[in-house]
C-alpha atoms as a PDB file:
ATOM      1  CA  UNK A   1      -6.368 -28.229  21.494  1.00  0.00           C
ATOM      2  CA  UNK A   2      -3.741 -28.439  19.002  1.00  0.00           C
ATOM      3  CA  UNK A   3      -3.343 -26.659  16.117  1.00  0.00           C
ATOM      4  CA  UNK A   4      -1.597 -26.586  12.322  1.00  0.00           C
ATOM      5  CA  UNK A   5       2.021 -25.351  13.389  1.00  0.00           C
ATOM      6  CA  UNK A   6       1.783 -28.848  15.908  1.00  0.00           C
ATOM      7  CA  UNK A   7       3.938 -31.057  13.846  1.00  0.00           C
ATOM      8  CA  UNK A   8       7.902 -31.823  13.730  1.00  0.00           C
ATOM      9  CA  UNK A   9       9.844 -29.212  15.560  1.00  0.00           C
ATOM     10  CA  UNK A  10      12.655 -30.570  17.525  1.00  0.00           C
ATOM     11  CA  UNK A  11      13.221 -28.805  21.354  1.00  0.00           C
ATOM     12  CA  UNK A  12      17.314 -27.954  23.230  1.00  0.00           C
ATOM     13  CA  UNK A  13      15.708 -27.196  25.886  1.00  0.00           C
ATOM     14  CA  UNK A  14      14.144 -29.234  28.496  1.00  0.00           C
ATOM     15  CA  UNK A  15      10.566 -30.166  27.373  1.00  0.00           C
ATOM     16  CA  UNK A  16       7.037 -29.398  28.598  1.00  0.00           C
ATOM     17  CA  UNK A  17       5.012 -32.444  28.771  1.00  0.00           C
ATOM     18  CA  UNK A  18       2.319 -30.031  26.302  1.00  0.00           C
ATOM     19  CA  UNK A  19       3.551 -31.759  22.595  1.00  0.00           C
ATOM     20  CA  UNK A  20      -0.333 -30.775  20.921  1.00  0.00           C
ATOM     21  CA  UNK A  21       0.380 -27.765  21.594  1.00  0.00           C
ATOM     22  CA  UNK A  22       4.197 -27.195  20.012  1.00  0.00           C
ATOM     23  CA  UNK A  23       4.114 -24.436  17.295  1.00  0.00           C
ATOM     24  CA  UNK A  24       7.118 -24.040  15.422  1.00  0.00           C
ATOM     25  CA  UNK A  25       9.808 -21.143  15.894  1.00  0.00           C
ATOM     26  CA  UNK A  26       9.655 -20.109  12.520  1.00  0.00           C
ATOM     27  CA  UNK A  27       6.498 -20.081  12.581  1.00  0.00           C
ATOM     28  CA  UNK A  28       6.504 -17.130  15.484  1.00  0.00           C
ATOM     29  CA  UNK A  29       9.012 -15.531  13.446  1.00  0.00           C
ATOM     30  CA  UNK A  30       7.477 -15.322  10.204  1.00  0.00           C
ATOM     31  CA  UNK A  31       4.424 -14.311  12.093  1.00  0.00           C
ATOM     32  CA  UNK A  32       6.337 -11.455  14.043  1.00  0.00           C
ATOM     33  CA  UNK A  33       8.596 -10.479  11.455  1.00  0.00           C
ATOM     34  CA  UNK A  34      10.890 -11.739  13.719  1.00  0.00           C
ATOM     35  CA  UNK A  35       9.889  -9.878  16.435  1.00  0.00           C
ATOM     36  CA  UNK A  36      10.292  -6.654  14.772  1.00  0.00           C
ATOM     37  CA  UNK A  37      10.102  -4.464  17.903  1.00  0.00           C
ATOM     38  CA  UNK A  38       7.690  -2.242  16.017  1.00  0.00           C
ATOM     39  CA  UNK A  39       5.025  -5.333  16.811  1.00  0.00           C
ATOM     40  CA  UNK A  40       5.896  -5.176  21.032  1.00  0.00           C
ATOM     41  CA  UNK A  41       3.213  -4.699  22.549  1.00  0.00           C
ATOM     42  CA  UNK A  42       4.647  -5.001  26.548  1.00  0.00           C
ATOM     43  CA  UNK A  43       7.378  -5.761  28.373  1.00  0.00           C
ATOM     44  CA  UNK A  44       7.421  -7.630  31.861  1.00  0.00           C
ATOM     45  CA  UNK A  45       8.929 -10.766  33.799  1.00  0.00           C
ATOM     46  CA  UNK A  46       8.664 -12.967  32.474  1.00  0.00           C
ATOM     47  CA  UNK A  47       9.792 -11.534  29.081  1.00  0.00           C
ATOM     48  CA  UNK A  48       8.507  -9.129  25.716  1.00  0.00           C
ATOM     49  CA  UNK A  49       4.996  -9.529  24.467  1.00  0.00           C
ATOM     50  CA  UNK A  50       5.144  -9.183  20.553  1.00  0.00           C
ATOM     51  CA  UNK A  51       1.277  -8.989  18.473  1.00  0.00           C
ATOM     52  CA  UNK A  52       1.417 -11.397  14.968  1.00  0.00           C
ATOM     53  CA  UNK A  53      -0.576 -13.340  12.820  1.00  0.00           C
ATOM     54  CA  UNK A  54      -0.266 -16.584  12.102  1.00  0.00           C
ATOM     55  CA  UNK A  55      -0.079 -18.227   8.036  1.00  0.00           C
ATOM     56  CA  UNK A  56      -3.877 -19.080   8.628  1.00  0.00           C
ATOM     57  CA  UNK A  57      -4.837 -14.850   9.838  1.00  0.00           C
ATOM     58  CA  UNK A  58      -5.297 -16.100  13.606  1.00  0.00           C
ATOM     59  CA  UNK A  59      -4.470 -12.873  15.633  1.00  0.00           C
ATOM     60  CA  UNK A  60      -2.361 -14.447  18.690  1.00  0.00           C
ATOM     61  CA  UNK A  61       0.118 -12.148  21.308  1.00  0.00           C
ATOM     62  CA  UNK A  62       2.498 -13.974  21.644  1.00  0.00           C
ATOM     63  CA  UNK A  63       5.145 -13.671  25.601  1.00  0.00           C
ATOM     64  CA  UNK A  64       8.742 -14.653  25.188  1.00  0.00           C
ATOM     65  CA  UNK A  65      11.259 -15.075  27.913  1.00  0.00           C
ATOM     66  CA  UNK A  66      14.552 -12.940  28.069  1.00  0.00           C
ATOM     67  CA  UNK A  67      17.282 -14.917  28.236  1.00  0.00           C
ATOM     68  CA  UNK A  68      18.320 -11.857  31.544  1.00  0.00           C
ATOM     69  CA  UNK A  69      14.378 -13.201  33.279  1.00  0.00           C
ATOM     70  CA  UNK A  70      15.334 -14.296  36.703  1.00  0.00           C
ATOM     71  CA  UNK A  71      11.576 -16.260  36.013  1.00  0.00           C
ATOM     72  CA  UNK A  72      12.382 -20.256  35.535  1.00  0.00           C
ATOM     73  CA  UNK A  73      11.198 -22.181  33.745  1.00  0.00           C
ATOM     74  CA  UNK A  74       8.939 -23.975  36.025  1.00  0.00           C
ATOM     75  CA  UNK A  75       6.819 -20.545  35.951  1.00  0.00           C
ATOM     76  CA  UNK A  76       6.662 -21.331  32.154  1.00  0.00           C
ATOM     77  CA  UNK A  77       5.090 -24.951  33.033  1.00  0.00           C
ATOM     78  CA  UNK A  78       2.865 -23.929  35.538  1.00  0.00           C
ATOM     79  CA  UNK A  79       1.563 -21.454  33.383  1.00  0.00           C
ATOM     80  CA  UNK A  80       1.028 -24.391  29.741  1.00  0.00           C
ATOM     81  CA  UNK A  81       0.238 -26.864  32.704  1.00  0.00           C
ATOM     82  CA  UNK A  82      -3.188 -24.151  34.444  1.00  0.00           C
ATOM     83  CA  UNK A  83      -3.720 -22.928  30.391  1.00  0.00           C
ATOM     84  CA  UNK A  84      -3.874 -26.116  28.891  1.00  0.00           C
ATOM     85  CA  UNK A  85      -6.449 -27.360  31.289  1.00  0.00           C
ATOM     86  CA  UNK A  86      -8.331 -24.425  32.141  1.00  0.00           C
ATOM     87  CA  UNK A  87     -10.521 -23.231  29.983  1.00  0.00           C
ATOM     88  CA  UNK A  88     -13.947 -19.766  30.952  1.00  0.00           C
ATOM     89  CA  UNK A  89     -15.040 -17.143  29.165  1.00  0.00           C
ATOM     90  CA  UNK A  90     -12.642 -14.725  32.257  1.00  0.00           C
ATOM     91  CA  UNK A  91      -9.528 -16.314  31.119  1.00  0.00           C
ATOM     92  CA  UNK A  92      -7.229 -15.907  28.083  1.00  0.00           C
ATOM     93  CA  UNK A  93      -7.236 -18.472  26.027  1.00  0.00           C
ATOM     94  CA  UNK A  94      -4.007 -20.503  25.457  1.00  0.00           C
ATOM     95  CA  UNK A  95      -3.831 -21.776  22.222  1.00  0.00           C
ATOM     96  CA  UNK A  96       0.264 -23.118  22.219  1.00  0.00           C
ATOM     97  CA  UNK A  97       3.968 -22.607  22.979  1.00  0.00           C
ATOM     98  CA  UNK A  98       7.534 -22.895  21.699  1.00  0.00           C
ATOM     99  CA  UNK A  99      10.175 -24.061  23.734  1.00  0.00           C
ATOM    100  CA  UNK A 100      12.488 -24.928  21.137  1.00  0.00           C
ATOM    101  CA  UNK A 101      16.031 -23.847  20.466  1.00  0.00           C
ATOM    102  CA  UNK A 102      16.805 -22.894  23.550  1.00  0.00           C
ATOM    103  CA  UNK A 103      13.424 -20.418  23.616  1.00  0.00           C
ATOM    104  CA  UNK A 104      10.511 -20.233  26.149  1.00  0.00           C
ATOM    105  CA  UNK A 105       7.962 -18.870  24.095  1.00  0.00           C
ATOM    106  CA  UNK A 106       3.896 -19.402  25.663  1.00  0.00           C
ATOM    107  CA  UNK A 107       1.306 -18.105  22.324  1.00  0.00           C
ATOM    108  CA  UNK A 108      -2.447 -16.345  23.273  1.00  0.00           C
ATOM    109  CA  UNK A 109      -5.436 -15.274  21.920  1.00  0.00           C
ATOM    110  CA  UNK A 110      -4.436 -11.387  20.668  1.00  0.00           C
ATOM    111  CA  UNK A 111      -6.636  -9.042  22.990  1.00  0.00           C
ATOM    112  CA  UNK A 112      -7.479  -5.978  20.961  1.00  0.00           C
ATOM    113  CA  UNK A 113      -8.322  -3.277  24.530  1.00  0.00           C
ATOM    114  CA  UNK A 114      -4.377  -4.312  26.357  1.00  0.00           C
ATOM    115  CA  UNK A 115      -4.349  -4.263  29.882  1.00  0.00           C
ATOM    116  CA  UNK A 116      -7.029  -2.999  32.757  1.00  0.00           C
ATOM    117  CA  UNK A 117      -3.905  -0.524  33.846  1.00  0.00           C
ATOM    118  CA  UNK A 118      -3.270   1.123  30.177  1.00  0.00           C
ATOM    119  CA  UNK A 119      -7.093   2.129  30.397  1.00  0.00           C
ATOM    120  CA  UNK A 120      -6.943   3.137  34.285  1.00  0.00           C
ATOM    121  CA  UNK A 121      -3.550   5.188  33.780  1.00  0.00           C
ATOM    122  CA  UNK A 122      -3.041   6.401  30.509  1.00  0.00           C
ATOM    123  CA  UNK A 123      -3.932   9.490  30.049  1.00  0.00           C
ATOM    124  CA  UNK A 124      -4.919   9.718  26.066  1.00  0.00           C
ATOM    125  CA  UNK A 125      -7.849   7.076  26.269  1.00  0.00           C
ATOM    126  CA  UNK A 126     -11.408   7.870  26.313  1.00  0.00           C
ATOM    127  CA  UNK A 127     -11.781   7.432  30.455  1.00  0.00           C
ATOM    128  CA  UNK A 128     -14.158   4.325  31.767  1.00  0.00           C
ATOM    129  CA  UNK A 129     -17.433   4.864  32.677  1.00  0.00           C
ATOM    130  CA  UNK A 130     -18.109   3.780  36.047  1.00  0.00           C
ATOM    131  CA  UNK A 131     -21.024   0.957  34.849  1.00  0.00           C
ATOM    132  CA  UNK A 132     -17.798  -0.366  33.029  1.00  0.00           C
ATOM    133  CA  UNK A 133     -15.493  -0.574  35.547  1.00  0.00           C
ATOM    134  CA  UNK A 134     -17.863  -2.350  37.521  1.00  0.00           C
ATOM    135  CA  UNK A 135     -19.089  -4.946  34.969  1.00  0.00           C
ATOM    136  CA  UNK A 136     -14.793  -5.721  34.618  1.00  0.00           C
ATOM    137  CA  UNK A 137     -14.806  -6.210  38.463  1.00  0.00           C
ATOM    138  CA  UNK A 138     -17.067  -9.115  38.008  1.00  0.00           C
ATOM    139  CA  UNK A 139     -16.115 -10.469  35.009  1.00  0.00           C
ATOM    140  CA  UNK A 140     -12.742 -11.038  37.135  1.00  0.00           C
ATOM    141  CA  UNK A 141     -15.069 -12.471  39.763  1.00  0.00           C
ATOM    142  CA  UNK A 142     -16.411 -14.708  38.166  1.00  0.00           C
ATOM    143  CA  UNK A 143     -13.337 -15.595  36.155  1.00  0.00           C
ATOM    144  CA  UNK A 144     -11.532 -16.182  40.100  1.00  0.00           C
ATOM    145  CA  UNK A 145     -14.267 -17.504  41.166  1.00  0.00           C
ATOM    146  CA  UNK A 146     -14.339 -20.707  38.768  1.00  0.00           C
ATOM    147  CA  UNK A 147      -9.868 -20.969  39.352  1.00  0.00           C
ATOM    148  CA  UNK A 148     -11.163 -21.489  43.288  1.00  0.00           C
ATOM    149  CA  UNK A 149     -14.282 -23.713  42.507  1.00  0.00           C
ATOM    150  CA  UNK A 150     -10.694 -25.291  40.172  1.00  0.00           C
ATOM    151  CA  UNK A 151      -8.570 -26.153  43.346  1.00  0.00           C
ATOM    152  CA  UNK A 152      -6.523 -23.200  41.924  1.00  0.00           C
ATOM    153  CA  UNK A 153      -5.288 -19.525  43.189  1.00  0.00           C
ATOM    154  CA  UNK A 154      -4.111 -17.135  41.061  1.00  0.00           C
ATOM    155  CA  UNK A 155      -1.182 -15.643  42.893  1.00  0.00           C
ATOM    156  CA  UNK A 156      -1.026 -12.260  41.201  1.00  0.00           C
ATOM    157  CA  UNK A 157      -4.545 -10.917  40.205  1.00  0.00           C
ATOM    158  CA  UNK A 158      -3.349  -6.597  39.284  1.00  0.00           C
ATOM    159  CA  UNK A 159      -4.734  -4.717  36.715  1.00  0.00           C
ATOM    160  CA  UNK A 160      -2.025  -5.304  35.009  1.00  0.00           C
ATOM    161  CA  UNK A 161      -3.062  -9.024  34.225  1.00  0.00           C
ATOM    162  CA  UNK A 162      -5.765  -8.278  33.245  1.00  0.00           C
ATOM    163  CA  UNK A 163      -6.848  -8.380  29.098  1.00  0.00           C
ATOM    164  CA  UNK A 164      -9.537  -6.049  27.182  1.00  0.00           C
ATOM    165  CA  UNK A 165     -10.676  -7.633  24.066  1.00  0.00           C
ATOM    166  CA  UNK A 166     -12.532  -5.762  21.824  1.00  0.00           C
ATOM    167  CA  UNK A 167     -15.214  -5.549  23.382  1.00  0.00           C
ATOM    168  CA  UNK A 168     -13.919  -4.349  26.717  1.00  0.00           C
ATOM    169  CA  UNK A 169     -14.531  -7.685  27.957  1.00  0.00           C
ATOM    170  CA  UNK A 170     -11.798  -8.720  31.126  1.00  0.00           C
ATOM    171  CA  UNK A 171      -9.886 -11.613  31.045  1.00  0.00           C
ATOM    172  CA  UNK A 172      -7.146 -13.165  33.689  1.00  0.00           C
ATOM    173  CA  UNK A 173      -3.397 -14.419  32.225  1.00  0.00           C
ATOM    174  CA  UNK A 174      -0.696 -14.972  33.571  1.00  0.00           C
ATOM    175  CA  UNK A 175      -1.333 -17.812  35.348  1.00  0.00           C
ATOM    176  CA  UNK A 176       2.670 -18.291  36.121  1.00  0.00           C
ATOM    177  CA  UNK A 177       2.893 -17.749  40.197  1.00  0.00           C
ATOM    178  CA  UNK A 178      -0.748 -20.042  40.177  1.00  0.00           C
ATOM    179  CA  UNK A 179      -1.189 -22.843  43.331  1.00  0.00           C
ATOM    180  CA  UNK A 180      -2.942 -25.956  43.333  1.00  0.00           C
ATOM    181  CA  UNK A 181      -4.707 -26.963  46.438  1.00  0.00           C
ATOM    182  CA  UNK A 182      -2.124 -28.931  47.767  1.00  0.00           C
ATOM    183  CA  UNK A 183       0.307 -26.176  47.511  1.00  0.00           C
ATOM    184  CA  UNK A 184      -1.076 -23.956  48.984  1.00  0.00           C
ATOM    185  CA  UNK A 185      -1.642 -26.037  52.565  1.00  0.00           C
ATOM    186  CA  UNK A 186       2.104 -26.433  51.789  1.00  0.00           C
ATOM    187  CA  UNK A 187       3.472 -22.985  51.126  1.00  0.00           C
ATOM    188  CA  UNK A 188       1.175 -20.747  52.613  1.00  0.00           C
ATOM    189  CA  UNK A 189      -0.157 -22.077  55.976  1.00  0.00           C
ATOM    190  CA  UNK A 190       1.573 -20.098  58.082  1.00  0.00           C
ATOM    191  CA  UNK A 191       0.238 -16.665  55.759  1.00  0.00           C
ATOM    192  CA  UNK A 192      -2.659 -16.085  56.873  1.00  0.00           C
ATOM    193  CA  UNK A 193      -3.118 -12.441  57.082  1.00  0.00           C
ATOM    194  CA  UNK A 194      -2.047  -9.175  54.543  1.00  0.00           C
ATOM    195  CA  UNK A 195       0.904  -7.106  55.168  1.00  0.00           C
ATOM    196  CA  UNK A 196       0.143  -4.072  57.073  1.00  0.00           C
ATOM    197  CA  UNK A 197       0.362  -1.683  54.130  1.00  0.00           C
ATOM    198  CA  UNK A 198      -2.551  -4.013  52.379  1.00  0.00           C
ATOM    199  CA  UNK A 199      -3.809  -3.839  56.053  1.00  0.00           C
ATOM    200  CA  UNK A 200      -3.698  -0.157  55.888  1.00  0.00           C
ATOM    201  CA  UNK A 201      -5.827   0.386  52.191  1.00  0.00           C
ATOM    202  CA  UNK A 202      -8.785  -1.199  54.561  1.00  0.00           C
ATOM    203  CA  UNK A 203      -9.927   2.434  55.887  1.00  0.00           C
ATOM    204  CA  UNK A 204     -13.862   2.606  57.081  1.00  0.00           C
ATOM    205  CA  UNK A 205     -16.358   4.180  54.458  1.00  0.00           C
ATOM    206  CA  UNK A 206     -15.621   7.678  56.718  1.00  0.00           C
ATOM    207  CA  UNK A 207     -11.602   7.670  56.259  1.00  0.00           C
ATOM    208  CA  UNK A 208     -12.101   6.736  52.728  1.00  0.00           C
ATOM    209  CA  UNK A 209     -11.085  10.566  51.658  1.00  0.00           C
ATOM    210  CA  UNK A 210      -9.266  10.151  48.322  1.00  0.00           C
ATOM    211  CA  UNK A 211     -10.765  10.937  44.873  1.00  0.00           C
ATOM    212  CA  UNK A 212     -12.227   8.615  42.521  1.00  0.00           C
ATOM    213  CA  UNK A 213     -11.661   9.617  38.878  1.00  0.00           C
ATOM    214  CA  UNK A 214     -12.419  13.615  38.460  1.00  0.00           C
ATOM    215  CA  UNK A 215     -14.018  12.712  35.646  1.00  0.00           C
ATOM    216  CA  UNK A 216     -16.650  10.557  36.777  1.00  0.00           C
ATOM    217  CA  UNK A 217     -18.356  12.883  39.053  1.00  0.00           C
ATOM    218  CA  UNK A 218     -21.661  14.110  38.724  1.00  0.00           C
ATOM    219  CA  UNK A 219     -22.086   9.554  37.575  1.00  0.00           C
ATOM    220  CA  UNK A 220     -21.939   8.016  40.424  1.00  0.00           C
ATOM    221  CA  UNK A 221     -25.124   7.147  42.129  1.00  0.00           C
ATOM    222  CA  UNK A 222     -24.210   6.506  45.863  1.00  0.00           C
ATOM    223  CA  UNK A 223     -25.449   3.739  46.630  1.00  0.00           C
ATOM    224  CA  UNK A 224     -23.667   1.930  44.390  1.00  0.00           C
ATOM    225  CA  UNK A 225     -20.609   3.815  44.874  1.00  0.00           C
ATOM    226  CA  UNK A 226     -21.417   3.028  48.813  1.00  0.00           C
ATOM    227  CA  UNK A 227     -22.156  -0.837  48.267  1.00  0.00           C
ATOM    228  CA  UNK A 228     -18.694  -0.942  46.111  1.00  0.00           C
ATOM    229  CA  UNK A 229     -16.665   0.284  48.949  1.00  0.00           C
ATOM    230  CA  UNK A 230     -18.059  -1.733  51.248  1.00  0.00           C
ATOM    231  CA  UNK A 231     -17.064  -5.519  49.598  1.00  0.00           C
ATOM    232  CA  UNK A 232     -14.007  -3.917  48.955  1.00  0.00           C
ATOM    233  CA  UNK A 233     -13.336  -3.161  52.559  1.00  0.00           C
ATOM    234  CA  UNK A 234     -14.196  -6.658  52.840  1.00  0.00           C
ATOM    235  CA  UNK A 235     -11.878  -8.479  50.121  1.00  0.00           C
ATOM    236  CA  UNK A 236      -8.844  -5.624  52.032  1.00  0.00           C
ATOM    237  CA  UNK A 237      -9.993  -7.577  55.675  1.00  0.00           C
ATOM    238  CA  UNK A 238      -6.235  -7.670  57.914  1.00  0.00           C
ATOM    239  CA  UNK A 239      -7.167 -11.682  58.790  1.00  0.00           C
ATOM    240  CA  UNK A 240      -8.407 -14.455  56.055  1.00  0.00           C
ATOM    241  CA  UNK A 241     -11.021 -16.393  58.346  1.00  0.00           C
ATOM    242  CA  UNK A 242     -12.421 -12.199  58.020  1.00  0.00           C
ATOM    243  CA  UNK A 243     -12.430 -12.614  53.658  1.00  0.00           C
ATOM    244  CA  UNK A 244     -15.254 -12.776  52.303  1.00  0.00           C
ATOM    245  CA  UNK A 245     -15.247 -15.485  49.425  1.00  0.00           C
ATOM    246  CA  UNK A 246     -15.946 -15.109  45.663  1.00  0.00           C
ATOM    247  CA  UNK A 247     -19.191 -16.129  45.624  1.00  0.00           C
ATOM    248  CA  UNK A 248     -20.528 -13.197  48.048  1.00  0.00           C
ATOM    249  CA  UNK A 249     -18.178 -10.999  46.512  1.00  0.00           C
ATOM    250  CA  UNK A 250     -19.487 -11.440  43.125  1.00  0.00           C
ATOM    251  CA  UNK A 251     -22.977 -10.887  44.446  1.00  0.00           C
ATOM    252  CA  UNK A 252     -21.862  -7.557  46.192  1.00  0.00           C
ATOM    253  CA  UNK A 253     -19.996  -6.543  43.016  1.00  0.00           C
ATOM    254  CA  UNK A 254     -22.890  -6.947  40.558  1.00  0.00           C
ATOM    255  CA  UNK A 255     -25.224  -5.490  43.535  1.00  0.00           C
ATOM    256  CA  UNK A 256     -22.977  -2.809  43.059  1.00  0.00           C
ATOM    257  CA  UNK A 257     -24.346  -2.528  39.473  1.00  0.00           C
ATOM    258  CA  UNK A 258     -28.120  -3.177  39.818  1.00  0.00           C
ATOM    259  CA  UNK A 259     -27.742   0.113  42.344  1.00  0.00           C
ATOM    260  CA  UNK A 260     -26.203   1.985  39.375  1.00  0.00           C
ATOM    261  CA  UNK A 261     -28.578   1.129  36.676  1.00  0.00           C
ATOM    262  CA  UNK A 262     -31.113   4.001  37.713  1.00  0.00           C
ATOM    263  CA  UNK A 263     -30.983   7.422  35.271  1.00  0.00           C
ATOM    264  CA  UNK A 264     -28.369   9.223  37.122  1.00  0.00           C
ATOM    265  CA  UNK A 265     -28.955  12.547  37.693  1.00  0.00           C
ATOM    266  CA  UNK A 266     -25.998  15.757  38.983  1.00  0.00           C
ATOM    267  CA  UNK A 267     -27.322  15.951  41.947  1.00  0.00           C
ATOM    268  CA  UNK A 268     -27.825  12.537  43.266  1.00  0.00           C
ATOM    269  CA  UNK A 269     -24.684  11.614  43.526  1.00  0.00           C
ATOM    270  CA  UNK A 270     -22.408  12.657  46.626  1.00  0.00           C
ATOM    271  CA  UNK A 271     -19.260  14.676  46.652  1.00  0.00           C
ATOM    272  CA  UNK A 272     -16.365  12.696  45.241  1.00  0.00           C
ATOM    273  CA  UNK A 273     -14.311  10.982  48.034  1.00  0.00           C
ATOM    274  CA  UNK A 274     -16.760  10.560  50.536  1.00  0.00           C
ATOM    275  CA  UNK A 275     -16.559   7.323  49.892  1.00  0.00           C
ATOM    276  CA  UNK A 276     -13.341   6.746  47.520  1.00  0.00           C
ATOM    277  CA  UNK A 277     -11.042   4.236  47.356  1.00  0.00           C
ATOM    278  CA  UNK A 278      -6.838   5.352  47.454  1.00  0.00           C
ATOM    279  CA  UNK A 279      -4.437   2.139  46.401  1.00  0.00           C
ATOM    280  CA  UNK A 280      -1.114   2.030  44.538  1.00  0.00           C
ATOM    281  CA  UNK A 281      -0.086  -0.967  42.340  1.00  0.00           C
ATOM    282  CA  UNK A 282      -0.530  -3.718  44.569  1.00  0.00           C
ATOM    283  CA  UNK A 283       0.708  -7.187  43.964  1.00  0.00           C
ATOM    284  CA  UNK A 284       1.767  -8.820  46.900  1.00  0.00           C
ATOM    285  CA  UNK A 285      -1.684  -9.553  48.944  1.00  0.00           C
ATOM    286  CA  UNK A 286      -2.019 -12.836  50.760  1.00  0.00           C
ATOM    287  CA  UNK A 287      -2.384 -15.253  47.523  1.00  0.00           C
ATOM    288  CA  UNK A 288      -4.128 -17.856  49.682  1.00  0.00           C
ATOM    289  CA  UNK A 289      -7.129 -16.072  49.967  1.00  0.00           C
ATOM    290  CA  UNK A 290      -9.954 -16.287  48.120  1.00  0.00           C
ATOM    291  CA  UNK A 291     -11.134 -12.284  47.988  1.00  0.00           C
ATOM    292  CA  UNK A 292      -7.883 -10.456  48.513  1.00  0.00           C
ATOM    293  CA  UNK A 293      -7.168 -10.108  44.537  1.00  0.00           C
ATOM    294  CA  UNK A 294     -10.274  -9.200  44.176  1.00  0.00           C
ATOM    295  CA  UNK A 295     -10.819  -6.967  46.895  1.00  0.00           C
ATOM    296  CA  UNK A 296      -7.300  -4.949  45.464  1.00  0.00           C
ATOM    297  CA  UNK A 297      -9.084  -5.134  41.502  1.00  0.00           C
ATOM    298  CA  UNK A 298     -12.321  -3.662  43.308  1.00  0.00           C
ATOM    299  CA  UNK A 299      -9.880  -0.774  44.891  1.00  0.00           C
ATOM    300  CA  UNK A 300      -7.943  -0.150  41.459  1.00  0.00           C
ATOM    301  CA  UNK A 301     -11.651  -0.135  39.633  1.00  0.00           C
ATOM    302  CA  UNK A 302     -12.622   3.256  41.899  1.00  0.00           C
ATOM    303  CA  UNK A 303      -9.145   5.120  40.704  1.00  0.00           C
END
C-alpha cells in the first residue's frame, strides 16, 4: 500500500490515521505542474480531478477538494478507509492521499478512457457496441457483488462514478458516501423503497417505447435485449424485498451477453424501442437495496 513518497510530512489539517498512504503535497504539485488547468480532467461535488505523473513515472488521477465544497472531511476519511481495505479488479485502485497544508487530495490509478457517461453521451466518441455495454455492466455488477458480500453499499452508483481503463474494463470509484452494513441498519431502516421517480422507470415491456441508441439499430439480438430489459425492471421494483440480490443480477447480465454472442443478422433484431428504457442520470435510488443501484446502471447501458 505504501509509496516512496509516504514519509516525513507535516499535516496541518485534522489527521487521517492511514500514515502508510500519505503522499507529500510537493510530489503532487510536481506531478501536475502545480495543478495547472491543462491537467484538469473532471470536476465533481468534492472538487477538481487532475491527471498527473509521479516522479517514478506512475500515472495517477488526483481528486482535490475545493475549499467551498460542501463535502466534509468525513467523506474524505470514508473514501480512504474503504479503498485502503478493498481490492477488486472492478474497483478503482487507491494509491494514497494528502492532507498537508489544509489540502484534502485523494490519489488513484489513472483510467485512460475516463467515465462511462462520457462514452454514453459524448457525441465525439465512438459508439459503444451492445456487447461492450453488457460487459461493462457485468464488470460493475461483479464489483458491487464484492462490496455487498463485504458488507458495504456504495450509495452513489451512476455513470460518472464508473471509470474505464485502456481496455474499457470498468472500475467503480467515489466511495465517499459508502456505508457499512451496521450503519445501513441504523440510517436506512425506514427507507427501503425507491422514490416515485425511480419507480416510474420500471415500466412493463409493452410500455418501453423509447429508443435505445439509434446507432445500435440492427445490432442487438432480441432475446439478449429482452433478458436485459427484464433484469433492469426487476432491479427497479418499488419495494426492496421485490428486488433481486446482486448474485442473480450478475447471472442474468452474463446470460444476456451469452444470448448476444451468435452472429447477428439484420433481420434478426427487433425494432428499436420495443424493449428499451428511458433513463435520466438518476443517482438517488435507495442505497439500502442490493440491486437498485445496478438497475439504474442497467438502464444507462441501453441508451
